[in-house]
Protein backbone atom coordinates (compact mmCIF):
# COMPACT_ATOMS: atom_id res chain seq x y z
CA MET A 1 -30.73 -2.79 2.07
CA ASN A 2 -27.69 -1.58 0.11
CA THR A 3 -28.55 -1.63 -3.59
CA ASN A 4 -25.00 -0.78 -4.79
CA HIS A 5 -23.96 -4.44 -4.86
CA ASP A 6 -25.56 -7.85 -4.63
CA ASP A 7 -25.52 -10.24 -1.65
CA THR A 8 -22.45 -12.14 -2.94
CA GLY A 9 -20.15 -9.21 -2.12
CA VAL A 10 -19.44 -8.43 -5.78
CA LEU A 11 -18.55 -4.79 -6.36
CA THR A 12 -20.23 -2.79 -9.03
CA TRP A 13 -17.98 -1.16 -11.62
CA GLN A 14 -18.96 2.21 -10.14
CA GLU A 15 -17.76 1.09 -6.67
CA PHE A 16 -14.46 -0.22 -8.06
CA GLU A 17 -13.77 3.05 -9.90
CA LYS A 18 -13.71 4.84 -6.52
CA VAL A 19 -10.58 2.93 -5.43
CA GLU A 20 -7.54 5.10 -6.19
CA MET A 21 -4.62 2.73 -6.81
CA CYS A 22 -1.34 4.32 -7.88
CA VAL A 23 2.34 3.56 -8.35
CA GLY A 24 4.84 5.13 -6.00
CA THR A 25 8.53 4.76 -5.15
CA ILE A 26 9.67 3.93 -1.63
CA ILE A 27 12.07 6.67 -0.54
CA SER A 28 12.68 5.74 3.11
CA VAL A 29 12.21 2.75 5.40
CA THR A 30 12.58 2.48 9.17
CA ASP A 31 11.76 -0.20 11.72
CA PHE A 32 8.35 0.22 13.35
CA GLU A 33 9.25 -0.85 16.86
CA LYS A 34 5.87 0.02 18.42
CA ALA A 35 3.84 -2.11 15.99
CA ARG A 36 2.28 -5.31 17.37
CA ASN A 37 3.69 -7.39 14.53
CA PRO A 38 7.10 -6.86 12.88
CA SER A 39 6.63 -3.94 10.47
CA TYR A 40 8.34 -1.12 8.66
CA LYS A 41 7.42 2.55 8.40
CA LEU A 42 7.59 3.53 4.72
CA THR A 43 7.70 6.92 3.04
CA ILE A 44 6.47 6.68 -0.55
CA ASP A 45 6.69 9.26 -3.35
CA PHE A 46 3.53 9.33 -5.48
CA GLY A 47 4.70 12.19 -7.72
CA HIS A 48 2.02 14.82 -8.26
CA LYS A 49 -0.18 13.01 -5.68
CA GLY A 50 2.34 13.72 -2.93
CA ILE A 51 4.52 11.88 -0.48
CA LYS A 52 2.65 9.53 1.85
CA LYS A 53 3.54 7.32 4.79
CA SER A 54 2.49 3.72 5.33
CA SER A 55 3.05 0.92 7.81
CA ALA A 56 3.64 -2.50 6.28
CA GLN A 57 4.13 -5.99 7.70
CA ILE A 58 6.67 -6.99 5.05
CA THR A 59 9.73 -7.75 7.18
CA GLY A 60 9.58 -11.48 6.38
CA LEU A 61 10.58 -11.10 2.74
CA TYR A 62 12.21 -7.66 2.47
CA THR A 63 15.14 -5.86 4.05
CA LYS A 64 15.01 -2.11 4.49
CA GLU A 65 17.84 -1.71 1.98
CA ALA A 66 16.06 -3.78 -0.70
CA LEU A 67 12.92 -1.63 -0.43
CA ILE A 68 14.57 1.73 -1.14
CA GLY A 69 13.81 2.75 -4.73
CA LYS A 70 11.26 -0.06 -5.26
CA GLN A 71 8.13 0.96 -7.17
CA ILE A 72 5.00 -0.34 -5.47
CA VAL A 73 1.22 -0.21 -5.86
CA ALA A 74 -0.91 1.33 -3.10
CA VAL A 75 -4.45 2.50 -2.41
CA LEU A 76 -4.40 6.23 -1.72
CA ASN A 77 -7.98 7.09 -0.85
CA PHE A 78 -8.56 5.20 2.38
CA PRO A 79 -8.83 7.47 5.42
CA PRO A 80 -5.58 7.75 7.43
CA LYS A 81 -5.24 5.03 10.08
CA GLN A 82 -3.55 5.43 13.45
CA ILE A 83 -1.24 2.48 14.18
CA ALA A 84 0.44 2.86 17.58
CA ASP A 85 2.15 6.28 17.38
CA PHE A 86 2.14 6.39 13.55
CA MET A 87 -0.43 7.69 11.05
CA SER A 88 -0.61 5.45 7.97
CA GLU A 89 -1.82 7.44 4.94
CA CYS A 90 -2.02 4.75 2.25
CA LEU A 91 -2.29 0.97 1.90
CA LEU A 92 0.58 -0.88 0.26
CA LEU A 93 -0.82 -3.77 -1.78
CA GLY A 94 0.62 -7.27 -1.71
CA ALA A 95 -0.15 -10.95 -2.06
CA VAL A 96 -0.41 -12.80 1.25
CA GLY A 97 1.21 -16.24 1.14
CA ASP A 98 0.29 -19.35 3.12
CA THR A 99 2.79 -18.43 5.85
CA GLY A 100 1.42 -14.87 6.10
CA ASP A 101 4.40 -13.30 4.35
CA VAL A 102 3.44 -10.49 1.99
CA THR A 103 4.87 -10.19 -1.52
CA ILE A 104 4.59 -6.57 -2.64
CA LEU A 105 2.72 -5.75 -5.85
CA THR A 106 5.09 -3.96 -8.21
CA VAL A 107 5.19 -2.85 -11.84
CA GLU A 108 7.16 -4.78 -14.46
CA GLN A 109 8.65 -1.65 -16.07
CA PRO A 110 9.43 1.69 -14.39
CA VAL A 111 6.59 4.20 -14.63
CA LYS A 112 6.06 7.76 -13.45
CA ASN A 113 5.19 8.07 -9.75
CA GLY A 114 1.49 8.74 -9.36
CA THR A 115 0.53 6.61 -12.38
CA SER A 116 -2.97 5.22 -11.86
CA ILE A 117 -3.72 1.50 -11.89
CA ALA A 118 -6.55 0.62 -14.24
């Protein structure tokens, strides 16, 4: 039995603190033609934490041009995930609507890339 959390699926504060969420700026976007569902390949600058790549199913609400320069929130400490011929290195966070479209989580004011989410 795992004693780090209860049976309701509630995380402990110690478990939550392990999730590394940071702000980054999207610096490039290309179509991900080999993905099963319409997706983009993103390159995101996380400042001192490096430049990382991610695949995101966000084509329903965002054009490639609108994403360039957008500051986003992502989880950095998941293991890399192979998606078709692409290695995704972080998880872009967003709110999933009733239709399945994803609205990206962003910051209200510009912040330094690599800023941690608390």
